N, C-alpha and C. Protein backbone atom coordinates (compact mmCIF):
# COMPACT_ATOMS: atom_id res chain seq x y z
N MET A 1 194.02 141.86 232.65
CA MET A 1 194.10 142.17 231.24
C MET A 1 192.90 141.59 230.48
N ARG A 2 192.56 140.34 230.80
CA ARG A 2 191.45 139.69 230.13
C ARG A 2 190.13 140.41 230.43
N ILE A 3 189.93 140.87 231.67
CA ILE A 3 188.71 141.59 232.04
C ILE A 3 188.63 142.91 231.29
N THR A 4 189.76 143.61 231.18
CA THR A 4 189.80 144.88 230.45
C THR A 4 189.45 144.67 228.99
N MET A 5 189.97 143.61 228.39
CA MET A 5 189.65 143.32 226.99
C MET A 5 188.17 143.00 226.83
N ARG A 6 187.63 142.24 227.79
CA ARG A 6 186.22 141.88 227.72
C ARG A 6 185.35 143.13 227.83
N ARG A 7 185.69 144.01 228.76
CA ARG A 7 184.93 145.26 228.91
C ARG A 7 185.02 146.11 227.66
N SER A 8 186.19 146.16 227.06
CA SER A 8 186.35 146.92 225.82
C SER A 8 185.50 146.34 224.72
N ALA A 9 185.46 145.01 224.64
CA ALA A 9 184.65 144.35 223.61
C ALA A 9 183.17 144.63 223.83
N ILE A 10 182.73 144.58 225.09
CA ILE A 10 181.33 144.85 225.40
C ILE A 10 180.99 146.30 225.06
N ALA A 11 181.86 147.23 225.43
CA ALA A 11 181.62 148.64 225.12
C ALA A 11 181.57 148.86 223.62
N ALA A 12 182.47 148.23 222.88
CA ALA A 12 182.48 148.39 221.42
C ALA A 12 181.21 147.83 220.80
N SER A 13 180.74 146.69 221.32
CA SER A 13 179.51 146.10 220.81
C SER A 13 178.32 147.00 221.09
N ALA A 14 178.26 147.54 222.30
CA ALA A 14 177.15 148.44 222.64
C ALA A 14 177.17 149.68 221.75
N PHE A 15 178.35 150.23 221.50
CA PHE A 15 178.47 151.39 220.63
C PHE A 15 178.03 151.04 219.21
N ALA A 16 178.43 149.88 218.72
CA ALA A 16 178.07 149.47 217.36
C ALA A 16 176.56 149.34 217.22
N VAL A 17 175.90 148.73 218.22
CA VAL A 17 174.45 148.59 218.17
C VAL A 17 173.79 149.96 218.20
N ALA A 18 174.24 150.82 219.10
CA ALA A 18 173.66 152.16 219.20
C ALA A 18 173.90 152.94 217.92
N PHE A 19 175.09 152.86 217.37
CA PHE A 19 175.40 153.61 216.16
C PHE A 19 174.59 153.08 214.98
N ALA A 20 174.42 151.76 214.91
CA ALA A 20 173.66 151.17 213.82
C ALA A 20 172.21 151.61 213.84
N CYS A 21 171.70 151.92 215.01
CA CYS A 21 170.31 152.33 215.15
C CYS A 21 170.13 153.83 215.11
N THR A 22 171.19 154.56 214.95
CA THR A 22 171.11 156.00 215.05
C THR A 22 171.01 156.64 213.69
N ASP A 23 170.03 157.51 213.54
CA ASP A 23 169.86 158.31 212.35
C ASP A 23 169.75 159.75 212.82
N PHE A 24 170.85 160.48 212.76
CA PHE A 24 170.90 161.80 213.37
C PHE A 24 170.03 162.82 212.66
N GLU A 25 169.63 162.57 211.44
CA GLU A 25 168.78 163.53 210.74
C GLU A 25 167.31 163.34 211.08
N ALA A 26 166.91 162.16 211.44
CA ALA A 26 165.54 161.83 211.87
C ALA A 26 164.45 162.47 211.00
N PRO A 27 164.41 162.16 209.70
CA PRO A 27 163.39 162.76 208.84
C PRO A 27 161.98 162.32 209.18
N GLU A 28 161.82 161.21 209.91
CA GLU A 28 160.47 160.72 210.22
C GLU A 28 159.68 161.71 211.04
N ALA A 29 160.35 162.56 211.82
CA ALA A 29 159.65 163.54 212.63
C ALA A 29 158.90 164.54 211.75
N GLU A 30 159.40 164.73 210.53
CA GLU A 30 158.77 165.67 209.62
C GLU A 30 157.55 165.08 208.91
N ILE A 31 157.47 163.74 208.81
CA ILE A 31 156.39 163.14 208.04
C ILE A 31 155.26 162.60 208.91
N LEU A 32 155.50 162.37 210.20
CA LEU A 32 154.45 161.88 211.08
C LEU A 32 153.65 163.03 211.65
N PRO A 33 152.34 162.92 211.64
CA PRO A 33 151.54 163.98 212.27
C PRO A 33 151.74 163.95 213.79
N ASP A 34 151.77 165.12 214.38
CA ASP A 34 151.90 165.21 215.83
C ASP A 34 150.54 165.58 216.41
N VAL A 35 149.65 164.60 216.39
CA VAL A 35 148.29 164.82 216.89
C VAL A 35 147.93 163.70 217.86
N LEU A 36 147.12 164.03 218.82
CA LEU A 36 146.61 163.04 219.76
C LEU A 36 145.38 162.39 219.13
N VAL A 37 145.39 161.07 219.04
CA VAL A 37 144.27 160.33 218.48
C VAL A 37 143.55 159.64 219.63
N ALA A 38 142.32 160.03 219.87
CA ALA A 38 141.56 159.52 221.01
C ALA A 38 141.18 158.05 220.84
N SER A 39 140.80 157.65 219.62
CA SER A 39 140.41 156.26 219.34
C SER A 39 141.27 155.74 218.18
N PRO A 40 142.52 155.42 218.46
CA PRO A 40 143.43 155.06 217.38
C PRO A 40 143.17 153.67 216.80
N SER A 41 143.50 153.55 215.54
CA SER A 41 143.49 152.29 214.83
C SER A 41 144.94 151.83 214.71
N PHE A 42 145.18 150.54 214.84
CA PHE A 42 146.55 150.05 214.72
C PHE A 42 147.13 150.39 213.34
N GLU A 43 146.41 150.04 212.30
CA GLU A 43 146.92 150.26 210.94
C GLU A 43 147.07 151.73 210.58
N ARG A 44 146.12 152.54 210.96
CA ARG A 44 146.12 153.95 210.57
C ARG A 44 147.03 154.82 211.45
N ASP A 45 147.09 154.52 212.76
CA ASP A 45 147.75 155.42 213.69
C ASP A 45 149.00 154.84 214.38
N ILE A 46 148.98 153.57 214.75
CA ILE A 46 150.08 152.99 215.52
C ILE A 46 151.18 152.47 214.60
N GLN A 47 150.81 151.70 213.58
CA GLN A 47 151.84 151.14 212.69
C GLN A 47 152.69 152.23 212.04
N PRO A 48 152.14 153.35 211.59
CA PRO A 48 153.00 154.39 211.02
C PRO A 48 154.05 154.92 212.01
N ILE A 49 153.71 155.00 213.28
CA ILE A 49 154.69 155.42 214.28
C ILE A 49 155.78 154.36 214.41
N LEU A 50 155.38 153.10 214.51
CA LEU A 50 156.36 152.02 214.64
C LEU A 50 157.26 151.92 213.41
N THR A 51 156.67 152.09 212.24
CA THR A 51 157.45 152.02 211.01
C THR A 51 158.46 153.15 210.94
N ALA A 52 158.00 154.37 211.13
CA ALA A 52 158.87 155.53 210.97
C ALA A 52 159.89 155.66 212.08
N ARG A 53 159.51 155.37 213.29
CA ARG A 53 160.39 155.65 214.43
C ARG A 53 161.17 154.45 214.91
N CYS A 54 160.75 153.24 214.56
CA CYS A 54 161.39 152.04 215.10
C CYS A 54 161.99 151.14 214.02
N ALA A 55 161.24 150.91 212.96
CA ALA A 55 161.70 149.97 211.92
C ALA A 55 162.64 150.61 210.92
N THR A 56 162.34 151.81 210.45
CA THR A 56 163.20 152.42 209.42
C THR A 56 164.50 152.96 209.97
N ALA A 57 164.68 152.94 211.26
CA ALA A 57 165.93 153.40 211.87
C ALA A 57 166.98 152.31 211.86
N SER A 58 166.74 151.23 211.13
CA SER A 58 167.64 150.08 211.06
C SER A 58 167.77 149.36 212.39
N CYS A 59 166.77 149.48 213.23
CA CYS A 59 166.81 148.79 214.53
C CYS A 59 165.88 147.59 214.57
N HIS A 60 164.61 147.83 214.34
CA HIS A 60 163.61 146.78 214.51
C HIS A 60 162.92 146.49 213.18
N ASN A 61 163.71 146.03 212.22
CA ASN A 61 163.15 145.64 210.93
C ASN A 61 163.56 144.21 210.62
N LEU A 62 163.14 143.70 209.50
CA LEU A 62 163.39 142.30 209.16
C LEU A 62 164.88 141.99 209.08
N ALA A 63 165.68 142.92 208.59
CA ALA A 63 167.11 142.68 208.43
C ALA A 63 167.86 142.67 209.76
N THR A 64 167.53 143.58 210.65
CA THR A 64 168.33 143.72 211.87
C THR A 64 167.69 143.09 213.10
N GLN A 65 166.40 143.24 213.27
CA GLN A 65 165.64 142.67 214.38
C GLN A 65 166.38 142.80 215.72
N GLN A 66 166.76 144.03 216.07
CA GLN A 66 167.40 144.25 217.37
C GLN A 66 166.52 143.66 218.47
N MET A 67 167.11 142.96 219.40
CA MET A 67 166.41 142.27 220.50
C MET A 67 165.36 141.29 219.94
N GLY A 68 165.54 140.85 218.70
CA GLY A 68 164.63 139.90 218.09
C GLY A 68 163.29 140.47 217.69
N LEU A 69 163.22 141.79 217.56
CA LEU A 69 161.93 142.46 217.34
C LEU A 69 161.86 143.12 215.97
N ASN A 70 160.87 142.71 215.18
CA ASN A 70 160.61 143.30 213.87
C ASN A 70 159.31 144.10 213.97
N LEU A 71 159.42 145.42 213.79
CA LEU A 71 158.24 146.28 213.91
C LEU A 71 157.77 146.82 212.57
N GLU A 72 158.15 146.15 211.49
CA GLU A 72 157.67 146.55 210.18
C GLU A 72 156.21 146.15 210.01
N ALA A 73 155.54 146.84 209.09
CA ALA A 73 154.14 146.51 208.78
C ALA A 73 154.04 145.04 208.39
N GLY A 74 153.00 144.40 208.89
CA GLY A 74 152.79 142.98 208.61
C GLY A 74 153.44 142.07 209.64
N HIS A 75 154.32 142.61 210.47
CA HIS A 75 155.01 141.82 211.49
C HIS A 75 154.80 142.38 212.90
N ALA A 76 154.62 143.67 213.01
CA ALA A 76 154.65 144.34 214.31
C ALA A 76 153.57 143.84 215.27
N TYR A 77 152.34 143.77 214.82
CA TYR A 77 151.25 143.41 215.73
C TYR A 77 151.52 142.07 216.40
N ASP A 78 151.83 141.05 215.60
CA ASP A 78 152.07 139.72 216.16
C ASP A 78 153.32 139.69 217.05
N ALA A 79 154.26 140.56 216.78
CA ALA A 79 155.50 140.58 217.56
C ALA A 79 155.33 141.22 218.93
N ILE A 80 154.33 142.10 219.09
CA ILE A 80 154.25 142.86 220.34
C ILE A 80 153.04 142.59 221.21
N VAL A 81 151.90 142.30 220.64
CA VAL A 81 150.68 142.18 221.45
C VAL A 81 150.65 140.82 222.16
N ASP A 82 150.60 140.90 223.48
CA ASP A 82 150.63 139.71 224.36
C ASP A 82 151.89 138.87 224.20
N GLU A 83 152.97 139.48 223.75
CA GLU A 83 154.25 138.80 223.64
C GLU A 83 155.18 139.34 224.72
N ASP A 84 155.77 138.43 225.51
CA ASP A 84 156.68 138.84 226.57
C ASP A 84 157.98 139.37 225.99
N SER A 85 158.46 140.44 226.59
CA SER A 85 159.76 140.99 226.21
C SER A 85 160.84 140.29 227.02
N PRO A 86 161.91 139.86 226.37
CA PRO A 86 162.97 139.15 227.11
C PRO A 86 163.75 140.06 228.06
N THR A 87 163.61 141.36 227.93
CA THR A 87 164.41 142.27 228.75
C THR A 87 163.56 143.22 229.58
N SER A 88 162.33 142.90 229.83
CA SER A 88 161.42 143.89 230.39
C SER A 88 160.89 143.60 231.78
N HIS A 89 161.61 142.84 232.58
CA HIS A 89 161.15 142.59 233.94
C HIS A 89 159.76 141.95 233.95
N ASP A 90 159.59 140.92 233.13
CA ASP A 90 158.35 140.14 233.07
C ASP A 90 157.14 140.91 232.57
N LEU A 91 157.36 141.93 231.75
CA LEU A 91 156.27 142.65 231.12
C LEU A 91 156.12 142.18 229.67
N ALA A 92 154.91 142.23 229.17
CA ALA A 92 154.69 141.99 227.74
C ALA A 92 155.09 143.26 226.99
N TYR A 93 155.41 143.13 225.71
CA TYR A 93 155.64 144.35 224.93
C TYR A 93 154.39 145.21 224.99
N ILE A 94 153.25 144.61 224.68
CA ILE A 94 151.95 145.27 224.80
C ILE A 94 150.99 144.32 225.49
N ARG A 95 150.45 144.76 226.61
CA ARG A 95 149.43 144.00 227.32
C ARG A 95 148.11 144.77 227.13
N PRO A 96 147.18 144.22 226.32
CA PRO A 96 145.92 144.93 226.08
C PRO A 96 145.25 145.38 227.37
N PHE A 97 144.73 146.60 227.33
CA PHE A 97 144.04 147.25 228.44
C PHE A 97 144.97 147.65 229.59
N GLN A 98 146.28 147.38 229.48
CA GLN A 98 147.19 147.61 230.60
C GLN A 98 148.47 148.34 230.16
N PRO A 99 148.40 149.63 229.92
CA PRO A 99 149.61 150.32 229.49
C PRO A 99 150.73 150.29 230.52
N ASP A 100 150.39 150.25 231.81
CA ASP A 100 151.43 150.20 232.84
C ASP A 100 152.15 148.85 232.86
N SER A 101 151.55 147.83 232.28
CA SER A 101 152.17 146.50 232.19
C SER A 101 152.70 146.23 230.79
N SER A 102 152.85 147.28 230.00
CA SER A 102 153.31 147.15 228.61
C SER A 102 154.70 147.77 228.47
N TRP A 103 155.68 146.94 228.17
CA TRP A 103 157.07 147.40 228.07
C TRP A 103 157.25 148.45 226.98
N LEU A 104 156.59 148.28 225.86
CA LEU A 104 156.74 149.26 224.78
C LEU A 104 156.29 150.64 225.24
N VAL A 105 155.24 150.71 226.02
CA VAL A 105 154.76 152.00 226.54
C VAL A 105 155.80 152.58 227.49
N ARG A 106 156.33 151.78 228.36
CA ARG A 106 157.30 152.26 229.34
C ARG A 106 158.60 152.73 228.69
N ILE A 107 159.09 151.99 227.70
CA ILE A 107 160.41 152.26 227.12
C ILE A 107 160.43 153.54 226.28
N ILE A 108 159.27 154.04 225.89
CA ILE A 108 159.22 155.28 225.11
C ILE A 108 158.94 156.51 225.98
N GLN A 109 158.69 156.29 227.25
CA GLN A 109 158.35 157.40 228.15
C GLN A 109 159.61 158.03 228.75
N ALA A 110 159.47 159.26 229.22
CA ALA A 110 160.61 160.03 229.71
C ALA A 110 161.12 159.57 231.07
N ASP A 111 160.28 159.07 231.92
CA ASP A 111 160.67 158.72 233.29
C ASP A 111 161.61 157.51 233.31
N PRO A 112 162.87 157.69 233.68
CA PRO A 112 163.83 156.58 233.69
C PRO A 112 163.42 155.45 234.65
N ALA A 113 162.78 155.77 235.75
CA ALA A 113 162.38 154.73 236.70
C ALA A 113 161.34 153.79 236.08
N ARG A 114 160.43 154.33 235.25
CA ARG A 114 159.43 153.48 234.58
C ARG A 114 160.10 152.54 233.58
N ARG A 115 161.26 152.95 233.07
CA ARG A 115 162.01 152.13 232.11
C ARG A 115 163.04 151.25 232.81
N PHE A 116 163.01 151.21 234.13
CA PHE A 116 164.02 150.49 234.90
C PHE A 116 165.42 150.97 234.54
N PHE A 117 165.52 152.27 234.24
CA PHE A 117 166.76 152.97 233.93
C PHE A 117 167.44 152.45 232.66
N VAL A 118 166.67 151.84 231.79
CA VAL A 118 167.13 151.44 230.46
C VAL A 118 167.02 152.67 229.57
N GLU A 119 167.89 152.78 228.57
CA GLU A 119 167.85 153.91 227.64
C GLU A 119 166.47 154.03 227.01
N ARG A 120 166.03 155.26 226.83
CA ARG A 120 164.74 155.54 226.21
C ARG A 120 164.80 155.24 224.72
N MET A 121 163.74 154.66 224.19
CA MET A 121 163.63 154.40 222.76
C MET A 121 162.83 155.52 222.12
N PRO A 122 163.11 155.81 220.87
CA PRO A 122 164.10 155.18 220.00
C PRO A 122 165.52 155.62 220.36
N LEU A 123 166.40 154.67 220.39
CA LEU A 123 167.77 154.87 220.81
C LEU A 123 168.51 155.81 219.86
N GLY A 124 169.10 156.84 220.42
CA GLY A 124 169.91 157.76 219.64
C GLY A 124 169.12 158.68 218.73
N ARG A 125 167.83 158.78 218.95
CA ARG A 125 166.97 159.62 218.11
C ARG A 125 166.07 160.46 218.99
N ALA A 126 165.42 161.41 218.38
CA ALA A 126 164.47 162.23 219.14
C ALA A 126 163.37 161.34 219.70
N PRO A 127 162.94 161.61 220.93
CA PRO A 127 161.86 160.81 221.50
C PRO A 127 160.55 161.00 220.75
N LEU A 128 159.66 160.05 220.90
CA LEU A 128 158.32 160.22 220.38
C LEU A 128 157.71 161.45 221.05
N THR A 129 156.80 162.10 220.36
CA THR A 129 156.14 163.27 220.94
C THR A 129 155.15 162.82 222.02
N ASP A 130 154.76 163.74 222.85
CA ASP A 130 153.75 163.43 223.87
C ASP A 130 152.46 162.93 223.23
N ASN A 131 152.09 163.51 222.09
CA ASN A 131 150.88 163.07 221.39
C ASN A 131 151.01 161.66 220.85
N GLN A 132 152.18 161.31 220.31
CA GLN A 132 152.39 159.95 219.80
C GLN A 132 152.34 158.94 220.94
N ILE A 133 152.96 159.27 222.06
CA ILE A 133 152.94 158.38 223.22
C ILE A 133 151.51 158.22 223.74
N ALA A 134 150.79 159.32 223.85
CA ALA A 134 149.40 159.26 224.33
C ALA A 134 148.52 158.47 223.37
N THR A 135 148.78 158.57 222.07
CA THR A 135 148.02 157.79 221.08
C THR A 135 148.26 156.30 221.28
N ILE A 136 149.50 155.91 221.51
CA ILE A 136 149.82 154.50 221.76
C ILE A 136 149.14 154.04 223.05
N ILE A 137 149.19 154.86 224.09
CA ILE A 137 148.52 154.51 225.35
C ILE A 137 147.01 154.37 225.13
N ASN A 138 146.42 155.26 224.36
CA ASN A 138 144.96 155.16 224.07
C ASN A 138 144.65 153.85 223.36
N TRP A 139 145.52 153.45 222.45
CA TRP A 139 145.32 152.17 221.72
C TRP A 139 145.39 151.00 222.68
N VAL A 140 146.38 151.00 223.56
CA VAL A 140 146.51 149.92 224.54
C VAL A 140 145.31 149.91 225.48
N ASN A 141 144.91 151.09 225.97
CA ASN A 141 143.73 151.17 226.86
C ASN A 141 142.47 150.65 226.19
N ALA A 142 142.39 150.75 224.88
CA ALA A 142 141.22 150.25 224.13
C ALA A 142 141.31 148.74 223.88
N GLY A 143 142.37 148.11 224.36
CA GLY A 143 142.51 146.66 224.20
C GLY A 143 143.48 146.28 223.12
N ALA A 144 144.21 147.24 222.57
CA ALA A 144 145.20 146.99 221.51
C ALA A 144 144.59 146.20 220.35
N PRO A 145 143.46 146.69 219.81
CA PRO A 145 142.80 145.93 218.74
C PRO A 145 143.61 145.90 217.45
N ARG A 146 143.43 144.85 216.71
CA ARG A 146 144.08 144.69 215.40
C ARG A 146 143.13 145.30 214.36
N ASN A 147 143.13 146.61 214.29
CA ASN A 147 142.20 147.28 213.37
C ASN A 147 142.92 148.28 212.50
């Protein structure tokens, strides 16, 4: 009985977190450009993706900080670049010059094996476009500069 109650509590907590982060209308897809940026700037190209797709979804902002992560402007860079993720199999959120060693890159990609079979982010929302993902990868390949 106790195990069943514990499992129910865990399932309810997981549902609450997922529901809290879910915005079924996803208006951000309409405001973000879907273009591949060959030489992206963090401020101009990466932060808008993080803000629209990660922070404004009530997941990774100052108020909620799911997994302890705030991706709002002014906080995101310091939170992810060369910072280890507590849930990422010893990967940093972003490892400059190494997109394959960057958890944020892996968690937004379609291949479940690259994500260690963790749910794809953004949770409960449309995935980032191929162009947005490639833009983030280009930024990481360039050394993840703070520009």
